[in-house]
């Protein structure tokens, strides 16, 4: 007599997750002018994340040095160095990176017509983005952050084409909302899926919160 085999354990969720609530009805007026309405909050985000470039010239007018940077690049480099030399990921760095990612994603969701709610700097609204805080000593290889950006190249290639598709999906959805007030469910799921894919790659290669290679999946 054979005993039934034990089913394999369910795979754990990826440490970076994104979910956007599907809207039953969208505002046609704000959708029509979405590109203009998003400008003020996009400027706020741009000022928050933009780098500073300074070029120094010598007496002959030749460029001596040019420096540039930004809060995202600085956070990446600082986190990489902390993991590399100390095997630590300071919690307050992680919390800042998480809230910055949430803020940027709310703006992206608003621009992509996924929600009518004007992006908040505080509230999650209909956009739920989660990152799991890593135990740097146990979960993160101290050398891997040096090459993660390189290992993620296949994702960049795939995401280029998926992002082009998402761009046209948003344009089609724009017309659909103007005429029906609804975002076609298939297009909505696709656009959110592309954003979810980008988040996983960002979490792996740039936020450095996980060593698990991102899956090639929209879901």
N, C-alpha and C. Protein backbone atom coordinates (compact mmCIF):
# COMPACT_ATOMS: atom_id res chain seq x y z
N UNK A 1 0.85 -1.20 0.00
CA UNK A 1 0.00 0.00 0.00
C UNK A 1 0.88 1.24 0.00
N UNK A 2 0.63 2.11 -0.90
CA UNK A 2 1.44 3.32 -1.01
C UNK A 2 0.77 4.46 -0.28
N UNK A 3 1.59 5.27 0.29
CA UNK A 3 1.08 6.45 0.99
C UNK A 3 1.17 7.65 0.07
N UNK A 4 0.19 8.53 0.15
CA UNK A 4 0.23 9.70 -0.72
C UNK A 4 1.45 10.56 -0.43
N UNK A 5 2.07 11.05 -1.50
CA UNK A 5 3.25 11.89 -1.32
C UNK A 5 2.86 13.25 -0.77
N UNK A 6 3.77 13.81 -0.01
CA UNK A 6 3.52 15.13 0.55
C UNK A 6 3.71 16.18 -0.52
N UNK A 7 2.73 17.07 -0.71
CA UNK A 7 2.87 18.10 -1.75
C UNK A 7 4.01 19.03 -1.41
N UNK A 8 4.71 19.53 -2.44
CA UNK A 8 5.82 20.44 -2.18
C UNK A 8 5.31 21.74 -1.57
N UNK A 9 6.13 22.37 -0.74
CA UNK A 9 5.70 23.63 -0.13
C UNK A 9 5.50 24.71 -1.17
N UNK A 10 4.56 25.58 -0.92
CA UNK A 10 4.30 26.69 -1.85
C UNK A 10 5.49 27.63 -1.87
N UNK A 11 5.87 28.11 -3.05
CA UNK A 11 7.01 29.02 -3.12
C UNK A 11 6.70 30.32 -2.37
N UNK A 12 7.73 30.83 -1.73
CA UNK A 12 7.54 32.08 -1.00
C UNK A 12 7.44 33.23 -1.97
N UNK A 13 6.75 34.25 -1.56
CA UNK A 13 6.56 35.42 -2.42
C UNK A 13 7.89 36.13 -2.64
N UNK A 14 8.01 36.73 -3.81
CA UNK A 14 9.23 37.49 -4.09
C UNK A 14 9.30 38.69 -3.15
N UNK A 15 10.50 39.08 -2.71
CA UNK A 15 10.63 40.16 -1.71
C UNK A 15 10.19 41.54 -2.19
N UNK A 16 9.82 41.67 -3.45
CA UNK A 16 9.30 42.94 -3.96
C UNK A 16 7.96 42.68 -4.62
N UNK A 17 6.92 43.36 -4.15
CA UNK A 17 5.56 43.08 -4.63
C UNK A 17 4.82 44.39 -4.94
N UNK A 18 4.03 44.33 -5.99
CA UNK A 18 3.25 45.50 -6.40
C UNK A 18 1.84 45.07 -6.77
N UNK A 19 0.86 45.78 -6.23
CA UNK A 19 -0.53 45.52 -6.56
C UNK A 19 -1.25 46.86 -6.68
N UNK A 20 -2.07 46.98 -7.70
CA UNK A 20 -2.88 48.19 -7.89
C UNK A 20 -4.34 47.75 -7.98
N UNK A 21 -5.19 48.37 -7.18
CA UNK A 21 -6.61 48.02 -7.19
C UNK A 21 -7.24 48.43 -8.51
N UNK A 22 -7.99 47.49 -9.09
CA UNK A 22 -8.65 47.79 -10.36
C UNK A 22 -9.83 48.72 -10.13
N UNK A 23 -9.89 49.85 -10.84
CA UNK A 23 -11.00 50.80 -10.65
C UNK A 23 -12.22 50.40 -11.47
N UNK A 24 -13.38 50.50 -10.87
CA UNK A 24 -14.60 50.18 -11.60
C UNK A 24 -15.01 51.30 -12.55
N UNK A 25 -14.68 52.52 -12.20
CA UNK A 25 -15.03 53.66 -13.03
C UNK A 25 -13.95 54.72 -12.90
N UNK A 26 -13.60 55.34 -14.01
CA UNK A 26 -12.56 56.37 -14.02
C UNK A 26 -13.12 57.68 -14.54
N UNK A 27 -12.55 58.76 -14.08
CA UNK A 27 -13.00 60.10 -14.45
C UNK A 27 -12.52 60.44 -15.86
N UNK A 28 -13.42 60.73 -16.74
CA UNK A 28 -13.05 61.00 -18.13
C UNK A 28 -12.35 62.34 -18.28
N UNK A 29 -12.73 63.32 -17.50
CA UNK A 29 -12.15 64.67 -17.63
C UNK A 29 -10.69 64.66 -17.18
N UNK A 30 -10.42 64.12 -15.99
CA UNK A 30 -9.04 64.10 -15.52
C UNK A 30 -8.17 63.18 -16.37
N UNK A 31 -8.79 62.15 -16.94
CA UNK A 31 -8.04 61.27 -17.84
C UNK A 31 -7.62 62.02 -19.09
N UNK A 32 -8.50 62.85 -19.62
CA UNK A 32 -8.21 63.59 -20.84
C UNK A 32 -7.01 64.52 -20.67
N UNK A 33 -6.85 65.07 -19.46
CA UNK A 33 -5.77 66.05 -19.22
C UNK A 33 -4.71 65.50 -18.27
N UNK A 34 -4.57 64.18 -18.22
CA UNK A 34 -3.67 63.56 -17.25
C UNK A 34 -2.22 64.00 -17.42
N UNK A 35 -1.78 64.13 -18.66
CA UNK A 35 -0.39 64.52 -18.90
C UNK A 35 -0.09 65.89 -18.31
N UNK A 36 -1.07 66.78 -18.32
CA UNK A 36 -0.88 68.12 -17.75
C UNK A 36 -1.04 68.09 -16.23
N UNK A 37 -1.98 67.32 -15.74
CA UNK A 37 -2.25 67.29 -14.30
C UNK A 37 -1.09 66.69 -13.50
N UNK A 38 -0.34 65.79 -14.12
CA UNK A 38 0.73 65.12 -13.39
C UNK A 38 1.98 65.98 -13.26
N UNK A 39 2.05 67.07 -14.02
CA UNK A 39 3.28 67.88 -14.06
C UNK A 39 3.71 68.39 -12.68
N UNK A 40 2.82 69.00 -11.87
CA UNK A 40 3.29 69.53 -10.57
C UNK A 40 3.93 68.48 -9.66
N UNK A 41 3.29 67.31 -9.53
CA UNK A 41 3.85 66.29 -8.64
C UNK A 41 5.07 65.65 -9.27
N UNK A 42 5.13 65.60 -10.60
CA UNK A 42 6.32 65.08 -11.27
C UNK A 42 7.51 66.00 -11.04
N UNK A 43 7.26 67.30 -10.99
CA UNK A 43 8.33 68.25 -10.70
C UNK A 43 8.86 68.03 -9.28
N UNK A 44 7.93 67.82 -8.34
CA UNK A 44 8.34 67.54 -6.96
C UNK A 44 9.23 66.31 -6.90
N UNK A 45 8.83 65.25 -7.58
CA UNK A 45 9.62 64.03 -7.59
C UNK A 45 10.97 64.25 -8.28
N UNK A 46 10.95 65.03 -9.36
CA UNK A 46 12.19 65.31 -10.07
C UNK A 46 13.17 66.09 -9.23
N UNK A 47 12.67 67.10 -8.50
CA UNK A 47 13.54 67.88 -7.62
C UNK A 47 14.10 67.00 -6.51
N UNK A 48 13.27 66.08 -6.03
CA UNK A 48 13.70 65.19 -4.94
C UNK A 48 14.79 64.23 -5.38
N UNK A 49 14.73 63.76 -6.61
CA UNK A 49 15.64 62.70 -7.04
C UNK A 49 16.72 63.16 -8.01
N UNK A 50 16.60 64.36 -8.56
CA UNK A 50 17.55 64.80 -9.59
C UNK A 50 18.94 64.99 -9.00
N UNK A 51 19.92 64.73 -9.83
CA UNK A 51 21.30 64.94 -9.42
C UNK A 51 21.74 66.35 -9.71
N UNK A 52 22.92 66.67 -9.28
CA UNK A 52 23.51 67.97 -9.50
C UNK A 52 24.76 67.80 -10.34
N UNK A 53 24.86 68.56 -11.40
CA UNK A 53 26.01 68.48 -12.29
C UNK A 53 26.80 69.78 -12.22
N UNK A 54 28.09 69.65 -12.00
CA UNK A 54 28.95 70.81 -11.90
C UNK A 54 30.16 70.59 -12.78
N UNK A 55 30.41 71.50 -13.70
CA UNK A 55 31.54 71.40 -14.61
C UNK A 55 32.53 72.50 -14.29
N UNK A 56 33.80 72.12 -14.15
CA UNK A 56 34.86 73.06 -13.82
C UNK A 56 35.78 73.20 -15.02
N UNK A 57 36.10 74.44 -15.38
CA UNK A 57 36.97 74.72 -16.52
C UNK A 57 38.27 75.34 -16.04
N UNK A 58 39.34 75.08 -16.79
CA UNK A 58 40.60 75.75 -16.47
C UNK A 58 40.68 77.08 -17.21
N UNK A 59 41.80 77.75 -17.11
CA UNK A 59 41.93 79.10 -17.70
C UNK A 59 41.83 79.08 -19.22
N UNK A 60 42.16 77.96 -19.83
CA UNK A 60 42.09 77.88 -21.29
C UNK A 60 40.71 77.49 -21.80
N UNK A 61 39.80 77.25 -20.86
CA UNK A 61 38.45 76.88 -21.24
C UNK A 61 38.24 75.40 -21.38
N UNK A 62 39.25 74.59 -21.10
CA UNK A 62 39.11 73.15 -21.18
C UNK A 62 38.41 72.61 -19.93
N UNK A 63 37.64 71.57 -20.13
CA UNK A 63 36.95 70.95 -19.00
C UNK A 63 37.95 70.21 -18.12
N UNK A 64 37.94 70.53 -16.85
CA UNK A 64 38.83 69.87 -15.89
C UNK A 64 38.11 68.71 -15.22
N UNK A 65 36.90 68.96 -14.74
CA UNK A 65 36.14 67.91 -14.08
C UNK A 65 34.66 68.17 -14.21
N UNK A 66 33.92 67.12 -14.26
CA UNK A 66 32.47 67.18 -14.29
C UNK A 66 31.94 66.18 -13.28
N UNK A 67 31.08 66.63 -12.39
CA UNK A 67 30.53 65.73 -11.37
C UNK A 67 29.01 65.79 -11.42
N UNK A 68 28.41 64.66 -11.20
CA UNK A 68 26.96 64.61 -11.16
C UNK A 68 26.55 63.48 -10.23
N UNK A 69 25.35 63.56 -9.75
CA UNK A 69 24.87 62.53 -8.84
C UNK A 69 23.41 62.76 -8.56
N UNK A 70 22.82 61.89 -7.81
CA UNK A 70 21.43 62.01 -7.45
C UNK A 70 21.17 61.17 -6.24
N UNK A 71 20.02 61.40 -5.65
CA UNK A 71 19.72 60.69 -4.41
C UNK A 71 19.61 59.19 -4.64
N UNK A 72 19.05 58.77 -5.79
CA UNK A 72 18.92 57.34 -6.07
C UNK A 72 20.28 56.71 -6.29
N UNK A 73 21.13 57.38 -7.07
CA UNK A 73 22.47 56.85 -7.32
C UNK A 73 23.29 56.82 -6.03
N UNK A 74 23.17 57.87 -5.24
CA UNK A 74 23.90 57.91 -3.98
C UNK A 74 23.46 56.81 -3.02
N UNK A 75 22.16 56.57 -2.98
CA UNK A 75 21.64 55.51 -2.11
C UNK A 75 22.13 54.15 -2.56
N UNK A 76 22.17 53.93 -3.87
CA UNK A 76 22.66 52.66 -4.41
C UNK A 76 24.12 52.43 -4.04
N UNK A 77 24.95 53.44 -4.27
CA UNK A 77 26.38 53.29 -4.00
C UNK A 77 26.63 53.10 -2.50
N UNK A 78 25.94 53.89 -1.68
CA UNK A 78 26.13 53.77 -0.23
C UNK A 78 25.70 52.40 0.27
N UNK A 79 24.57 51.90 -0.23
CA UNK A 79 24.09 50.58 0.19
C UNK A 79 25.06 49.49 -0.27
N UNK A 80 25.54 49.61 -1.50
CA UNK A 80 26.50 48.63 -2.02
C UNK A 80 27.73 48.57 -1.13
N UNK A 81 28.26 49.73 -0.75
CA UNK A 81 29.47 49.77 0.06
C UNK A 81 29.22 49.20 1.46
N UNK A 82 28.05 49.48 2.02
CA UNK A 82 27.74 48.96 3.35
C UNK A 82 27.63 47.44 3.33
N UNK A 83 26.99 46.89 2.29
CA UNK A 83 26.88 45.45 2.19
C UNK A 83 28.25 44.81 1.92
N UNK A 84 29.03 45.46 1.08
CA UNK A 84 30.33 44.93 0.70
C UNK A 84 31.31 44.89 1.87
N UNK A 85 31.39 45.97 2.62
CA UNK A 85 32.41 46.07 3.67
C UNK A 85 31.91 45.72 5.07
N UNK A 86 30.61 45.93 5.32
CA UNK A 86 30.10 45.70 6.67
C UNK A 86 29.01 44.63 6.74
N UNK A 87 28.52 44.21 5.58
CA UNK A 87 27.39 43.28 5.53
C UNK A 87 26.21 43.79 6.36
N UNK A 88 25.89 45.05 6.15
CA UNK A 88 24.77 45.67 6.84
C UNK A 88 23.93 46.45 5.83
N UNK A 89 22.64 46.50 6.12
CA UNK A 89 21.71 47.32 5.34
C UNK A 89 20.95 48.16 6.36
N UNK A 90 21.38 49.39 6.61
CA UNK A 90 20.73 50.21 7.64
C UNK A 90 19.23 50.33 7.41
N UNK A 91 18.48 50.13 8.48
CA UNK A 91 17.03 50.12 8.35
C UNK A 91 16.50 51.45 7.84
N UNK A 92 17.08 52.54 8.29
CA UNK A 92 16.53 53.84 7.87
C UNK A 92 16.83 54.10 6.40
N UNK A 93 17.93 53.55 5.86
CA UNK A 93 18.16 53.64 4.43
C UNK A 93 17.09 52.86 3.67
N UNK A 94 16.81 51.66 4.18
CA UNK A 94 15.79 50.82 3.55
C UNK A 94 14.43 51.50 3.57
N UNK A 95 14.05 52.06 4.73
CA UNK A 95 12.75 52.71 4.84
C UNK A 95 12.64 53.89 3.88
N UNK A 96 13.71 54.65 3.73
CA UNK A 96 13.69 55.78 2.80
C UNK A 96 13.55 55.29 1.36
N UNK A 97 14.33 54.26 1.00
CA UNK A 97 14.24 53.71 -0.35
C UNK A 97 12.84 53.17 -0.63
N UNK A 98 12.23 52.54 0.36
CA UNK A 98 10.89 51.99 0.20
C UNK A 98 9.88 53.11 -0.05
N UNK A 99 9.90 54.14 0.77
CA UNK A 99 8.93 55.23 0.62
C UNK A 99 9.15 56.00 -0.68
N UNK A 100 10.41 56.16 -1.09
CA UNK A 100 10.69 56.83 -2.35
C UNK A 100 10.16 56.00 -3.52
N UNK A 101 10.34 54.67 -3.45
CA UNK A 101 9.81 53.79 -4.50
C UNK A 101 8.29 53.85 -4.54
N UNK A 102 7.66 53.88 -3.37
CA UNK A 102 6.21 53.97 -3.32
C UNK A 102 5.71 55.27 -3.93
N UNK A 103 6.36 56.37 -3.60
CA UNK A 103 5.97 57.68 -4.12
C UNK A 103 6.09 57.71 -5.64
N UNK A 104 7.22 57.24 -6.15
CA UNK A 104 7.41 57.23 -7.60
C UNK A 104 6.43 56.32 -8.31
N UNK A 105 6.09 55.21 -7.68
CA UNK A 105 5.14 54.28 -8.28
C UNK A 105 3.73 54.86 -8.31
N UNK A 106 3.36 55.60 -7.26
CA UNK A 106 2.04 56.26 -7.28
C UNK A 106 1.96 57.27 -8.43
N UNK A 107 3.04 57.98 -8.67
CA UNK A 107 3.05 58.93 -9.79
C UNK A 107 2.94 58.19 -11.11
N UNK A 108 3.69 57.10 -11.24
CA UNK A 108 3.62 56.31 -12.47
C UNK A 108 2.24 55.72 -12.70
N UNK A 109 1.60 55.25 -11.63
CA UNK A 109 0.26 54.69 -11.77
C UNK A 109 -0.74 55.75 -12.19
N UNK A 110 -0.60 56.95 -11.65
CA UNK A 110 -1.49 58.05 -12.02
C UNK A 110 -1.30 58.43 -13.49
N UNK A 111 -0.04 58.52 -13.91
CA UNK A 111 0.24 58.88 -15.30
C UNK A 111 -0.23 57.79 -16.25
N UNK A 112 -0.15 56.53 -15.83
CA UNK A 112 -0.58 55.42 -16.67
C UNK A 112 -2.09 55.18 -16.60
N UNK A 113 -2.81 56.08 -15.95
CA UNK A 113 -4.28 56.06 -15.88
C UNK A 113 -4.82 54.92 -15.03
N UNK A 114 -3.96 54.30 -14.22
CA UNK A 114 -4.41 53.17 -13.41
C UNK A 114 -5.26 53.61 -12.23
N UNK A 115 -5.19 54.87 -11.87
CA UNK A 115 -5.96 55.40 -10.77
C UNK A 115 -6.27 56.87 -11.01
N UNK A 116 -7.38 57.33 -10.45
CA UNK A 116 -7.76 58.75 -10.53
C UNK A 116 -7.23 59.55 -9.35
N UNK A 117 -6.77 58.87 -8.31
CA UNK A 117 -6.32 59.57 -7.10
C UNK A 117 -5.00 60.29 -7.36
N UNK A 118 -4.99 61.59 -7.06
CA UNK A 118 -3.76 62.34 -7.28
C UNK A 118 -2.69 61.80 -6.34
N UNK A 119 -1.47 61.58 -6.83
CA UNK A 119 -0.44 60.92 -6.02
C UNK A 119 -0.18 61.63 -4.70
N UNK A 120 -0.26 60.87 -3.63
CA UNK A 120 0.00 61.38 -2.29
C UNK A 120 1.46 61.17 -1.93
N UNK A 121 2.01 62.06 -1.12
CA UNK A 121 3.37 61.89 -0.63
C UNK A 121 3.39 61.02 0.62
N UNK A 122 2.23 60.65 1.14
CA UNK A 122 2.15 59.92 2.41
C UNK A 122 1.32 58.64 2.27
N UNK A 123 0.09 58.76 1.78
CA UNK A 123 -0.85 57.63 1.78
C UNK A 123 -0.58 56.67 0.63
N UNK A 124 -0.85 55.38 0.88
CA UNK A 124 -0.62 54.36 -0.14
C UNK A 124 -1.65 54.45 -1.27
N UNK A 125 -2.86 54.92 -0.96
CA UNK A 125 -3.96 55.01 -1.92
C UNK A 125 -4.26 53.63 -2.51
N UNK A 126 -4.43 53.53 -3.82
CA UNK A 126 -4.77 52.24 -4.43
C UNK A 126 -3.53 51.46 -4.87
N UNK A 127 -2.37 52.02 -4.63
CA UNK A 127 -1.12 51.41 -5.07
C UNK A 127 -0.41 50.81 -3.86
N UNK A 128 -0.25 49.49 -3.85
CA UNK A 128 0.38 48.82 -2.71
C UNK A 128 1.71 48.22 -3.15
N UNK A 129 2.78 48.80 -2.67
CA UNK A 129 4.13 48.34 -2.99
C UNK A 129 4.82 47.90 -1.71
N UNK A 130 5.34 46.70 -1.71
CA UNK A 130 6.00 46.15 -0.53
C UNK A 130 7.39 45.63 -0.87
N UNK A 131 8.34 45.93 0.00
CA UNK A 131 9.69 45.36 -0.08
C UNK A 131 10.00 44.73 1.27
N UNK A 132 10.56 43.53 1.25
CA UNK A 132 10.93 42.86 2.49
C UNK A 132 12.32 43.32 2.93
N UNK A 133 12.42 43.71 4.20
CA UNK A 133 13.71 44.15 4.73
C UNK A 133 14.63 42.95 4.88
N UNK A 134 15.83 43.01 4.31
CA UNK A 134 16.71 41.83 4.33
C UNK A 134 17.59 41.78 5.58
N UNK A 135 17.93 40.58 5.96
CA UNK A 135 18.98 40.36 6.94
C UNK A 135 20.28 40.28 6.15
N UNK A 136 21.05 41.35 6.16
CA UNK A 136 22.20 41.46 5.26
C UNK A 136 23.20 40.33 5.47
N UNK A 137 23.47 39.97 6.71
CA UNK A 137 24.46 38.93 6.98
C UNK A 137 23.97 37.56 6.53
N UNK A 138 22.70 37.29 6.68
CA UNK A 138 22.16 35.97 6.36
C UNK A 138 21.67 35.85 4.93
N UNK A 139 21.03 36.91 4.40
CA UNK A 139 20.33 36.81 3.13
C UNK A 139 21.10 37.38 1.94
N UNK A 140 22.10 38.22 2.17
CA UNK A 140 22.76 38.93 1.08
C UNK A 140 24.23 38.53 0.98
N UNK A 141 24.63 38.17 -0.22
CA UNK A 141 26.04 37.92 -0.51
C UNK A 141 26.77 39.25 -0.66
N UNK A 142 27.83 39.43 0.08
CA UNK A 142 28.48 40.73 0.09
C UNK A 142 29.11 41.11 -1.26
N UNK A 143 29.42 40.12 -2.11
CA UNK A 143 30.07 40.41 -3.39
C UNK A 143 29.08 40.57 -4.53
N UNK A 144 27.91 40.02 -4.39
CA UNK A 144 26.95 40.01 -5.49
C UNK A 144 26.50 41.40 -5.94
N UNK A 145 26.35 42.39 -5.04
CA UNK A 145 25.94 43.72 -5.51
C UNK A 145 26.85 44.32 -6.56
N UNK A 146 28.10 43.86 -6.65
CA UNK A 146 29.03 44.39 -7.65
C UNK A 146 28.64 44.00 -9.07
N UNK A 147 27.89 42.90 -9.22
CA UNK A 147 27.59 42.40 -10.56
C UNK A 147 26.10 42.25 -10.83
N UNK A 148 25.26 42.59 -9.86
CA UNK A 148 23.82 42.41 -10.08
C UNK A 148 23.32 43.18 -11.28
N UNK A 149 23.81 44.41 -11.45
CA UNK A 149 23.37 45.23 -12.58
C UNK A 149 23.70 44.55 -13.91
N UNK A 150 24.81 43.79 -13.92
CA UNK A 150 25.21 43.07 -15.12
C UNK A 150 24.37 41.82 -15.33
N UNK A 151 24.09 41.12 -14.24
CA UNK A 151 23.30 39.90 -14.33
C UNK A 151 21.87 40.19 -14.76
N UNK A 152 21.41 41.42 -14.54
CA UNK A 152 20.03 41.78 -14.88
C UNK A 152 19.86 42.21 -16.33
N UNK A 153 20.92 42.17 -17.12
CA UNK A 153 20.84 42.62 -18.52
C UNK A 153 19.74 41.90 -19.31
N UNK A 154 19.56 40.58 -19.17
CA UNK A 154 18.45 39.96 -19.91
C UNK A 154 17.09 40.58 -19.58
N UNK A 155 16.90 40.99 -18.34
CA UNK A 155 15.65 41.64 -17.97
C UNK A 155 15.51 43.00 -18.66
N UNK A 156 16.61 43.75 -18.73
CA UNK A 156 16.54 45.06 -19.40
C UNK A 156 16.06 44.89 -20.83
N UNK A 157 16.58 43.88 -21.52
CA UNK A 157 16.22 43.67 -22.92
C UNK A 157 14.74 43.34 -23.06
N UNK A 158 14.27 42.41 -22.24
CA UNK A 158 12.85 42.03 -22.30
C UNK A 158 11.97 43.20 -21.91
N UNK A 159 12.36 43.91 -20.85
CA UNK A 159 11.55 45.03 -20.36
C UNK A 159 11.48 46.18 -21.35
N UNK A 160 12.49 46.33 -22.18
CA UNK A 160 12.43 47.38 -23.19
C UNK A 160 11.21 47.18 -24.09
N UNK A 161 11.05 45.95 -24.57
CA UNK A 161 9.92 45.66 -25.46
C UNK A 161 8.59 45.66 -24.70
N UNK A 162 8.60 45.16 -23.47
CA UNK A 162 7.37 45.18 -22.68
C UNK A 162 6.94 46.61 -22.37
N UNK A 163 7.90 47.48 -22.11
CA UNK A 163 7.58 48.87 -21.79
C UNK A 163 7.02 49.59 -23.01
N UNK A 164 7.57 49.30 -24.19
CA UNK A 164 7.00 49.86 -25.42
C UNK A 164 5.56 49.40 -25.57
N UNK A 165 5.30 48.12 -25.30
CA UNK A 165 3.94 47.62 -25.36
C UNK A 165 3.04 48.29 -24.34
N UNK A 166 3.57 48.53 -23.13
CA UNK A 166 2.78 49.20 -22.10
C UNK A 166 2.44 50.63 -22.51
N UNK A 167 3.36 51.30 -23.20
CA UNK A 167 3.10 52.66 -23.68
C UNK A 167 1.88 52.69 -24.60
N UNK A 168 1.86 51.78 -25.55
CA UNK A 168 0.72 51.73 -26.47
C UNK A 168 -0.55 51.24 -25.77
N UNK A 169 -0.38 50.38 -24.77
CA UNK A 169 -1.54 49.93 -24.00
C UNK A 169 -2.20 51.09 -23.27
N UNK A 170 -1.39 52.00 -22.73
CA UNK A 170 -1.92 53.17 -22.04
C UNK A 170 -2.65 54.10 -23.02
N UNK A 171 -2.10 54.24 -24.22
CA UNK A 171 -2.76 55.08 -25.23
C UNK A 171 -4.13 54.50 -25.58
N UNK A 172 -4.18 53.18 -25.79
CA UNK A 172 -5.47 52.54 -26.10
C UNK A 172 -6.43 52.70 -24.94
N UNK A 173 -5.90 52.53 -23.71
CA UNK A 173 -6.75 52.67 -22.52
C UNK A 173 -7.27 54.09 -22.39
N UNK A 174 -6.47 55.08 -22.79
CA UNK A 174 -6.89 56.48 -22.73
C UNK A 174 -8.16 56.70 -23.55
N UNK A 175 -8.16 56.17 -24.77
CA UNK A 175 -9.35 56.30 -25.61
C UNK A 175 -10.52 55.51 -25.02
N UNK A 176 -10.23 54.33 -24.49
CA UNK A 176 -11.30 53.51 -23.92
C UNK A 176 -11.95 54.21 -22.73
N UNK A 177 -11.14 54.85 -21.90
CA UNK A 177 -11.69 55.56 -20.73
C UNK A 177 -12.51 56.76 -21.16
N UNK A 178 -12.04 57.48 -22.18
CA UNK A 178 -12.78 58.65 -22.66
C UNK A 178 -14.17 58.26 -23.16
N UNK A 179 -14.29 57.10 -23.78
CA UNK A 179 -15.57 56.68 -24.34
C UNK A 179 -16.43 55.87 -23.37
N UNK A 180 -15.79 55.10 -22.51
CA UNK A 180 -16.57 54.19 -21.65
C UNK A 180 -16.39 54.46 -20.16
N UNK A 181 -15.36 55.21 -19.80
CA UNK A 181 -15.08 55.45 -18.39
C UNK A 181 -14.43 54.26 -17.69
N UNK A 182 -14.02 53.24 -18.45
CA UNK A 182 -13.44 52.04 -17.86
C UNK A 182 -12.09 51.72 -18.50
N UNK A 183 -11.21 51.17 -17.70
CA UNK A 183 -9.89 50.71 -18.17
C UNK A 183 -10.04 49.23 -18.52
N UNK A 184 -9.85 48.83 -19.77
CA UNK A 184 -9.98 47.41 -20.12
C UNK A 184 -9.13 46.53 -19.19
N UNK A 185 -9.75 45.52 -18.61
CA UNK A 185 -9.09 44.70 -17.58
C UNK A 185 -7.77 44.09 -18.08
N UNK A 186 -7.77 43.59 -19.30
CA UNK A 186 -6.55 42.98 -19.83
C UNK A 186 -5.41 43.97 -19.94
N UNK A 187 -5.71 45.16 -20.43
CA UNK A 187 -4.68 46.19 -20.54
C UNK A 187 -4.20 46.63 -19.16
N UNK A 188 -5.13 46.75 -18.23
CA UNK A 188 -4.79 47.15 -16.86
C UNK A 188 -3.82 46.14 -16.24
N UNK A 189 -4.15 44.87 -16.36
CA UNK A 189 -3.30 43.83 -15.78
C UNK A 189 -1.92 43.82 -16.43
N UNK A 190 -1.87 44.09 -17.74
CA UNK A 190 -0.59 44.08 -18.44
C UNK A 190 0.29 45.24 -17.97
N UNK A 191 -0.28 46.43 -17.88
CA UNK A 191 0.50 47.61 -17.46
C UNK A 191 1.00 47.44 -16.03
N UNK A 192 0.13 46.96 -15.14
CA UNK A 192 0.55 46.71 -13.76
C UNK A 192 1.63 45.63 -13.73
N UNK A 193 1.49 44.61 -14.57
CA UNK A 193 2.48 43.54 -14.61
C UNK A 193 3.85 44.04 -15.04
N UNK A 194 3.89 44.95 -16.00
CA UNK A 194 5.17 45.52 -16.42
C UNK A 194 5.80 46.33 -15.28
N UNK A 195 4.97 47.10 -14.57
CA UNK A 195 5.47 47.83 -13.41
C UNK A 195 5.99 46.89 -12.33
N UNK A 196 5.30 45.78 -12.14
CA UNK A 196 5.72 44.79 -11.14
C UNK A 196 7.07 44.17 -11.53
N UNK A 197 7.22 43.89 -12.81
CA UNK A 197 8.48 43.32 -13.30
C UNK A 197 9.63 44.29 -13.08
N UNK A 198 9.39 45.57 -13.42
CA UNK A 198 10.42 46.59 -13.21
C UNK A 198 10.79 46.70 -11.73
N UNK A 199 9.80 46.62 -10.85
CA UNK A 199 10.06 46.72 -9.42
C UNK A 199 10.97 45.59 -8.95
N UNK A 200 10.72 44.37 -9.41
CA UNK A 200 11.54 43.24 -9.01
C UNK A 200 12.99 43.42 -9.45
N UNK A 201 13.16 43.90 -10.67
CA UNK A 201 14.52 44.13 -11.17
C UNK A 201 15.19 45.24 -10.38
N UNK A 202 14.46 46.29 -10.09
CA UNK A 202 15.02 47.38 -9.30
C UNK A 202 15.40 46.90 -7.89
N UNK A 203 14.54 46.08 -7.29
CA UNK A 203 14.82 45.57 -5.95
C UNK A 203 16.06 44.70 -5.95
N UNK A 204 16.26 43.95 -7.01
CA UNK A 204 17.41 43.05 -7.11
C UNK A 204 18.70 43.79 -7.44
N UNK A 205 18.66 44.62 -8.49
CA UNK A 205 19.89 45.17 -9.05
C UNK A 205 20.30 46.51 -8.46
N UNK A 206 19.34 47.29 -7.95
CA UNK A 206 19.66 48.66 -7.54
C UNK A 206 19.33 48.94 -6.07
N UNK A 207 18.18 48.50 -5.61
CA UNK A 207 17.88 48.66 -4.19
C UNK A 207 18.59 47.60 -3.35
N UNK A 208 18.99 46.50 -3.97
CA UNK A 208 19.83 45.47 -3.35
C UNK A 208 19.19 44.82 -2.12
N UNK A 209 17.87 44.68 -2.13
CA UNK A 209 17.19 44.13 -0.97
C UNK A 209 17.11 42.60 -1.02
N UNK A 210 17.48 41.99 -2.14
CA UNK A 210 17.39 40.55 -2.26
C UNK A 210 18.43 40.03 -3.24
N UNK A 211 18.84 38.78 -3.03
CA UNK A 211 19.72 38.09 -3.96
C UNK A 211 18.96 37.12 -4.86
N UNK A 212 17.66 37.00 -4.65
CA UNK A 212 16.84 36.12 -5.50
C UNK A 212 16.68 36.76 -6.88
N UNK A 213 17.07 36.01 -7.89
CA UNK A 213 16.99 36.54 -9.26
C UNK A 213 15.52 36.75 -9.63
N UNK A 214 15.21 37.91 -10.22
CA UNK A 214 13.79 38.20 -10.54
C UNK A 214 13.23 37.21 -11.56
N UNK A 215 12.00 36.78 -11.35
CA UNK A 215 11.37 35.88 -12.33
C UNK A 215 10.99 36.64 -13.59
N UNK A 216 10.97 35.94 -14.70
CA UNK A 216 10.53 36.51 -15.97
C UNK A 216 9.01 36.33 -16.04
N UNK A 217 8.30 37.19 -15.35
CA UNK A 217 6.84 37.03 -15.25
C UNK A 217 6.19 38.37 -14.95
N UNK A 218 4.98 38.55 -15.50
CA UNK A 218 4.20 39.75 -15.21
C UNK A 218 3.40 39.60 -13.93
N UNK A 219 3.09 38.36 -13.56
CA UNK A 219 2.21 38.11 -12.41
C UNK A 219 2.99 38.16 -11.11
